[in-house]
Amino acid sequence: MAADKRGNKTVKDLVLSLMVLSVVVAVIYIFIPHDSKADPVKPISYSVELGQARRDAPYKVAGPEGLSAMWRATSVQYNAVDPHKVTWHIGFVDPEQQYVAIEQSNGEPDPFIAEVTLDAHRDGTRTVTAGGLVWEHWTGKRYTALVRKEPGVTTIVLGTGPESQLTQMAAALRERSGQ
């Protein structure tokens, strides 16, 4: 008889606990704001990191100038741990809600290109002129990229958007050092 009472009490406690938990969840859902229509992109400022990279990097660091406010920076990283593979990255959401990034490194060009473009390949001899510079056109499963290899630095503009957006970003790049 004692076992039956104990078993019933355990089920009753479980049901009561679930009811209390349901009330707590309902209160949280009702009173904590949640806007499913809000823009999930959280723009960031990259001016401090760009200034640091331009002072420290062994190459001229590319940063965009003159883009509209519709271009929103979402990620930035400068890594100088290995002086033979100093990397610079700024990621953006473009006006068409596509991803566009600037990648630079003084490391070996081919492994760097493969890493950041997720194994894109050169699109024959196709080139694009942007900002008065000639860029190689690369395509891959995930990204399209514009690549420029120079002595001491490889610069890549890549993204998921149309080539016109990549070209616009490449044209807006200004390379500087020592600021």
C-alpha atoms as a PDB file:
ATOM      1  CA  MET A   1       0.000   0.000   0.000  1.00  0.00           C
ATOM      2  CA  ALA A   2       2.858   2.395   0.799  1.00  0.00           C
ATOM      3  CA  ALA A   3       4.348   1.871  -2.651  1.00  0.00           C
ATOM      4  CA  ASP A   4       1.120   2.876  -4.402  1.00  0.00           C
ATOM      5  CA  LYS A   5       0.816   6.082  -2.403  1.00  0.00           C
ATOM      6  CA  ARG A   6       4.446   6.947  -3.082  1.00  0.00           C
ATOM      7  CA  GLY A   7       4.001   6.326  -6.821  1.00  0.00           C
ATOM      8  CA  ASN A   8       0.876   8.486  -6.995  1.00  0.00           C
ATOM      9  CA  LYS A   9       2.608  11.242  -5.044  1.00  0.00           C
ATOM     10  CA  THR A  10       5.545  11.201  -7.477  1.00  0.00           C
ATOM     11  CA  VAL A  11       3.272  11.575 -10.524  1.00  0.00           C
ATOM     12  CA  LYS A  12       1.290  14.316  -8.770  1.00  0.00           C
ATOM     13  CA  ASP A  13       4.546  16.186  -7.972  1.00  0.00           C
ATOM     14  CA  LEU A  14       5.687  15.827 -11.565  1.00  0.00           C
ATOM     15  CA  VAL A  15       2.423  17.262 -12.911  1.00  0.00           C
ATOM     16  CA  LEU A  16       2.569  20.173 -10.440  1.00  0.00           C
ATOM     17  CA  SER A  17       6.183  20.904 -11.385  1.00  0.00           C
ATOM     18  CA  LEU A  18       5.313  20.947 -15.089  1.00  0.00           C
ATOM     19  CA  MET A  19       2.422  23.352 -14.425  1.00  0.00           C
ATOM     20  CA  VAL A  20       4.680  25.733 -12.484  1.00  0.00           C
ATOM     21  CA  LEU A  21       7.332  25.540 -15.189  1.00  0.00           C
ATOM     22  CA  SER A  22       4.718  26.232 -17.889  1.00  0.00           C
ATOM     23  CA  VAL A  23       3.600  29.373 -16.042  1.00  0.00           C
ATOM     24  CA  VAL A  24       7.207  30.600 -15.784  1.00  0.00           C
ATOM     25  CA  VAL A  25       7.816  29.987 -19.509  1.00  0.00           C
ATOM     26  CA  ALA A  26       4.561  31.792 -20.416  1.00  0.00           C
ATOM     27  CA  VAL A  27       5.530  34.816 -18.294  1.00  0.00           C
ATOM     28  CA  ILE A  28       8.979  34.963 -19.910  1.00  0.00           C
ATOM     29  CA  TYR A  29       7.468  34.695 -23.392  1.00  0.00           C
ATOM     30  CA  ILE A  30       4.922  37.436 -22.740  1.00  0.00           C
ATOM     31  CA  PHE A  31       7.168  39.958 -20.992  1.00  0.00           C
ATOM     32  CA  ILE A  32      10.525  39.567 -22.749  1.00  0.00           C
ATOM     33  CA  PRO A  33      10.550  41.423 -26.077  1.00  0.00           C
ATOM     34  CA  HIS A  34      11.044  39.340 -29.179  1.00  0.00           C
ATOM     35  CA  ASP A  35      10.656  40.959 -32.546  1.00  0.00           C
ATOM     36  CA  SER A  36      10.814  38.398 -35.302  1.00  0.00           C
ATOM     37  CA  LYS A  37      10.776  41.201 -37.882  1.00  0.00           C
ATOM     38  CA  ALA A  38      13.836  42.945 -36.423  1.00  0.00           C
ATOM     39  CA  ASP A  39      17.007  43.046 -38.504  1.00  0.00           C
ATOM     40  CA  PRO A  40      19.349  40.329 -37.181  1.00  0.00           C
ATOM     41  CA  VAL A  41      22.442  42.117 -38.514  1.00  0.00           C
ATOM     42  CA  LYS A  42      24.338  43.932 -35.771  1.00  0.00           C
ATOM     43  CA  PRO A  43      26.647  46.450 -37.450  1.00  0.00           C
ATOM     44  CA  ILE A  44      30.038  47.056 -35.865  1.00  0.00           C
ATOM     45  CA  SER A  45      32.681  49.736 -36.135  1.00  0.00           C
ATOM     46  CA  TYR A  46      36.038  48.662 -37.527  1.00  0.00           C
ATOM     47  CA  SER A  47      37.975  51.948 -37.496  1.00  0.00           C
ATOM     48  CA  VAL A  48      40.108  51.073 -34.450  1.00  0.00           C
ATOM     49  CA  GLU A  49      41.150  47.699 -35.879  1.00  0.00           C
ATOM     50  CA  LEU A  50      41.794  49.221 -39.313  1.00  0.00           C
ATOM     51  CA  GLY A  51      44.042  51.870 -37.761  1.00  0.00           C
ATOM     52  CA  GLN A  52      45.939  49.228 -35.769  1.00  0.00           C
ATOM     53  CA  ALA A  53      46.355  46.991 -38.806  1.00  0.00           C
ATOM     54  CA  ARG A  54      47.605  49.897 -40.913  1.00  0.00           C
ATOM     55  CA  ARG A  55      50.179  50.789 -38.255  1.00  0.00           C
ATOM     56  CA  ASP A  56      51.387  47.228 -37.676  1.00  0.00           C
ATOM     57  CA  ALA A  57      50.983  45.161 -40.854  1.00  0.00           C
ATOM     58  CA  PRO A  58      53.988  44.544 -43.127  1.00  0.00           C
ATOM     59  CA  TYR A  59      51.833  45.524 -46.132  1.00  0.00           C
ATOM     60  CA  LYS A  60      49.396  48.275 -47.082  1.00  0.00           C
ATOM     61  CA  VAL A  61      46.062  47.363 -45.491  1.00  0.00           C
ATOM     62  CA  ALA A  62      42.892  47.718 -47.565  1.00  0.00           C
ATOM     63  CA  GLY A  63      39.860  49.449 -46.117  1.00  0.00           C
ATOM     64  CA  PRO A  64      36.766  50.679 -47.929  1.00  0.00           C
ATOM     65  CA  GLU A  65      36.026  54.366 -48.314  1.00  0.00           C
ATOM     66  CA  GLY A  66      32.912  56.050 -49.649  1.00  0.00           C
ATOM     67  CA  LEU A  67      30.460  53.169 -49.366  1.00  0.00           C
ATOM     68  CA  SER A  68      26.876  54.028 -48.466  1.00  0.00           C
ATOM     69  CA  ALA A  69      25.451  53.295 -45.007  1.00  0.00           C
ATOM     70  CA  MET A  70      23.667  50.325 -46.602  1.00  0.00           C
ATOM     71  CA  TRP A  71      26.999  48.474 -46.397  1.00  0.00           C
ATOM     72  CA  ARG A  72      27.145  47.242 -42.806  1.00  0.00           C
ATOM     73  CA  ALA A  73      30.314  45.822 -41.285  1.00  0.00           C
ATOM     74  CA  THR A  74      29.600  42.694 -39.245  1.00  0.00           C
ATOM     75  CA  SER A  75      33.027  41.250 -38.467  1.00  0.00           C
ATOM     76  CA  VAL A  76      36.613  42.428 -38.259  1.00  0.00           C
ATOM     77  CA  GLN A  77      39.834  40.633 -37.399  1.00  0.00           C
ATOM     78  CA  TYR A  78      43.516  41.487 -37.516  1.00  0.00           C
ATOM     79  CA  ASN A  79      45.925  38.665 -36.693  1.00  0.00           C
ATOM     80  CA  ALA A  80      49.677  39.289 -36.526  1.00  0.00           C
ATOM     81  CA  VAL A  81      50.696  36.322 -34.361  1.00  0.00           C
ATOM     82  CA  ASP A  82      52.758  34.835 -37.216  1.00  0.00           C
ATOM     83  CA  PRO A  83      54.781  37.607 -38.910  1.00  0.00           C
ATOM     84  CA  HIS A  84      54.939  35.465 -42.062  1.00  0.00           C
ATOM     85  CA  LYS A  85      51.143  35.120 -42.218  1.00  0.00           C
ATOM     86  CA  VAL A  86      49.619  38.404 -41.022  1.00  0.00           C
ATOM     87  CA  THR A  87      45.918  38.434 -41.893  1.00  0.00           C
ATOM     88  CA  TRP A  88      43.289  41.155 -42.160  1.00  0.00           C
ATOM     89  CA  HIS A  89      39.533  40.585 -42.517  1.00  0.00           C
ATOM     90  CA  ILE A  90      36.416  42.772 -42.633  1.00  0.00           C
ATOM     91  CA  GLY A  91      33.028  41.187 -43.329  1.00  0.00           C
ATOM     92  CA  PHE A  92      30.006  43.151 -44.568  1.00  0.00           C
ATOM     93  CA  VAL A  93      26.367  42.711 -45.413  1.00  0.00           C
ATOM     94  CA  ASP A  94      25.845  44.576 -48.677  1.00  0.00           C
ATOM     95  CA  PRO A  95      22.735  46.568 -49.711  1.00  0.00           C
ATOM     96  CA  GLU A  96      21.277  43.407 -51.269  1.00  0.00           C
ATOM     97  CA  GLN A  97      21.663  41.525 -47.938  1.00  0.00           C
ATOM     98  CA  GLN A  98      24.545  39.413 -49.246  1.00  0.00           C
ATOM     99  CA  TYR A  99      27.902  38.710 -47.591  1.00  0.00           C
ATOM    100  CA  VAL A 100      31.001  40.523 -48.892  1.00  0.00           C
ATOM    101  CA  ALA A 101      34.436  40.373 -47.246  1.00  0.00           C
ATOM    102  CA  ILE A 102      37.901  41.808 -47.648  1.00  0.00           C
ATOM    103  CA  GLU A 103      40.735  39.388 -46.910  1.00  0.00           C
ATOM    104  CA  GLN A 104      44.462  40.140 -46.964  1.00  0.00           C
ATOM    105  CA  SER A 105      47.609  38.275 -46.027  1.00  0.00           C
ATOM    106  CA  ASN A 106      51.344  38.296 -46.578  1.00  0.00           C
ATOM    107  CA  GLY A 107      51.367  34.488 -46.382  1.00  0.00           C
ATOM    108  CA  GLU A 108      51.726  32.136 -49.329  1.00  0.00           C
ATOM    109  CA  PRO A 109      49.053  33.186 -51.851  1.00  0.00           C
ATOM    110  CA  ASP A 110      47.705  29.805 -52.978  1.00  0.00           C
ATOM    111  CA  PRO A 111      46.960  28.296 -49.536  1.00  0.00           C
ATOM    112  CA  PHE A 112      45.526  31.638 -48.357  1.00  0.00           C
ATOM    113  CA  ILE A 113      43.217  31.900 -51.381  1.00  0.00           C
ATOM    114  CA  ALA A 114      42.067  28.290 -50.974  1.00  0.00           C
ATOM    115  CA  GLU A 115      41.395  28.821 -47.265  1.00  0.00           C
ATOM    116  CA  VAL A 116      39.353  32.018 -47.427  1.00  0.00           C
ATOM    117  CA  THR A 117      37.462  31.255 -50.659  1.00  0.00           C
ATOM    118  CA  LEU A 118      36.693  27.698 -49.557  1.00  0.00           C
ATOM    119  CA  ASP A 119      38.563  26.223 -52.516  1.00  0.00           C
ATOM    120  CA  ALA A 120      37.366  28.513 -55.288  1.00  0.00           C
ATOM    121  CA  HIS A 121      39.249  28.271 -58.588  1.00  0.00           C
ATOM    122  CA  ARG A 122      40.453  30.788 -61.138  1.00  0.00           C
ATOM    123  CA  ASP A 123      37.832  31.452 -63.789  1.00  0.00           C
ATOM    124  CA  GLY A 124      40.101  30.967 -66.816  1.00  0.00           C
ATOM    125  CA  THR A 125      41.831  34.219 -67.680  1.00  0.00           C
ATOM    126  CA  ARG A 126      38.826  36.350 -66.781  1.00  0.00           C
ATOM    127  CA  THR A 127      39.652  39.620 -65.036  1.00  0.00           C
ATOM    128  CA  VAL A 128      37.706  42.550 -63.623  1.00  0.00           C
ATOM    129  CA  THR A 129      38.936  46.139 -63.400  1.00  0.00           C
ATOM    130  CA  ALA A 130      37.909  47.944 -60.220  1.00  0.00           C
ATOM    131  CA  GLY A 131      39.415  51.030 -58.659  1.00  0.00           C
ATOM    132  CA  GLY A 132      41.884  51.243 -61.521  1.00  0.00           C
ATOM    133  CA  LEU A 133      43.318  47.813 -60.649  1.00  0.00           C
ATOM    134  CA  VAL A 134      43.002  44.478 -62.423  1.00  0.00           C
ATOM    135  CA  TRP A 135      41.587  41.613 -60.338  1.00  0.00           C
ATOM    136  CA  GLU A 136      41.489  37.904 -61.216  1.00  0.00           C
ATOM    137  CA  HIS A 137      37.983  36.406 -61.188  1.00  0.00           C
ATOM    138  CA  TRP A 138      37.556  33.241 -59.090  1.00  0.00           C
ATOM    139  CA  THR A 139      34.478  31.067 -58.598  1.00  0.00           C
ATOM    140  CA  GLY A 140      33.606  28.396 -56.093  1.00  0.00           C
ATOM    141  CA  LYS A 141      30.680  26.482 -54.642  1.00  0.00           C
ATOM    142  CA  ARG A 142      30.082  29.079 -51.944  1.00  0.00           C
ATOM    143  CA  TYR A 143      31.860  32.285 -52.962  1.00  0.00           C
ATOM    144  CA  THR A 144      32.746  34.351 -55.977  1.00  0.00           C
ATOM    145  CA  ALA A 145      36.007  36.234 -55.481  1.00  0.00           C
ATOM    146  CA  LEU A 146      38.159  38.948 -56.946  1.00  0.00           C
ATOM    147  CA  VAL A 147      41.834  38.243 -56.264  1.00  0.00           C
ATOM    148  CA  ARG A 148      44.894  40.444 -56.584  1.00  0.00           C
ATOM    149  CA  LYS A 149      48.342  38.974 -55.946  1.00  0.00           C
ATOM    150  CA  GLU A 150      51.182  41.428 -55.427  1.00  0.00           C
ATOM    151  CA  PRO A 151      54.662  40.990 -53.985  1.00  0.00           C
ATOM    152  CA  GLY A 152      54.220  40.707 -50.212  1.00  0.00           C
ATOM    153  CA  VAL A 153      50.402  40.713 -50.096  1.00  0.00           C
ATOM    154  CA  THR A 154      47.357  38.965 -51.509  1.00  0.00           C
ATOM    155  CA  THR A 155      44.071  40.883 -51.444  1.00  0.00           C
ATOM    156  CA  ILE A 156      40.727  39.155 -51.923  1.00  0.00           C
ATOM    157  CA  VAL A 157      37.201  40.541 -52.138  1.00  0.00           C
ATOM    158  CA  LEU A 158      34.781  37.649 -51.868  1.00  0.00           C
ATOM    159  CA  GLY A 159      31.129  37.086 -51.235  1.00  0.00           C
ATOM    160  CA  THR A 160      27.806  35.479 -51.939  1.00  0.00           C
ATOM    161  CA  GLY A 161      26.390  38.433 -53.851  1.00  0.00           C
ATOM    162  CA  PRO A 162      26.584  39.391 -57.499  1.00  0.00           C
ATOM    163  CA  GLU A 163      29.844  40.368 -59.149  1.00  0.00           C
ATOM    164  CA  SER A 164      28.675  43.988 -59.273  1.00  0.00           C
ATOM    165  CA  GLN A 165      28.722  44.181 -55.472  1.00  0.00           C
ATOM    166  CA  LEU A 166      32.207  42.647 -55.288  1.00  0.00           C
ATOM    167  CA  THR A 167      33.396  45.098 -57.926  1.00  0.00           C
ATOM    168  CA  GLN A 168      31.879  48.006 -56.007  1.00  0.00           C
ATOM    169  CA  MET A 169      33.702  46.932 -52.842  1.00  0.00           C
ATOM    170  CA  ALA A 170      36.993  46.423 -54.711  1.00  0.00           C
ATOM    171  CA  ALA A 171      36.672  49.901 -56.245  1.00  0.00           C
ATOM    172  CA  ALA A 172      36.114  51.427 -52.788  1.00  0.00           C
ATOM    173  CA  LEU A 173      39.285  49.925 -51.287  1.00  0.00           C
ATOM    174  CA  ARG A 174      42.100  52.241 -50.288  1.00  0.00           C
ATOM    175  CA  GLU A 175      45.374  50.669 -49.257  1.00  0.00           C
ATOM    176  CA  ARG A 176      47.412  52.503 -46.646  1.00  0.00           C
ATOM    177  CA  SER A 177      50.018  51.862 -44.016  1.00  0.00           C
ATOM    178  CA  GLY A 178      51.514  53.660 -41.075  1.00  0.00           C
ATOM    179  CA  GLN A 179      48.500  55.688 -39.963  1.00  0.00           C
END
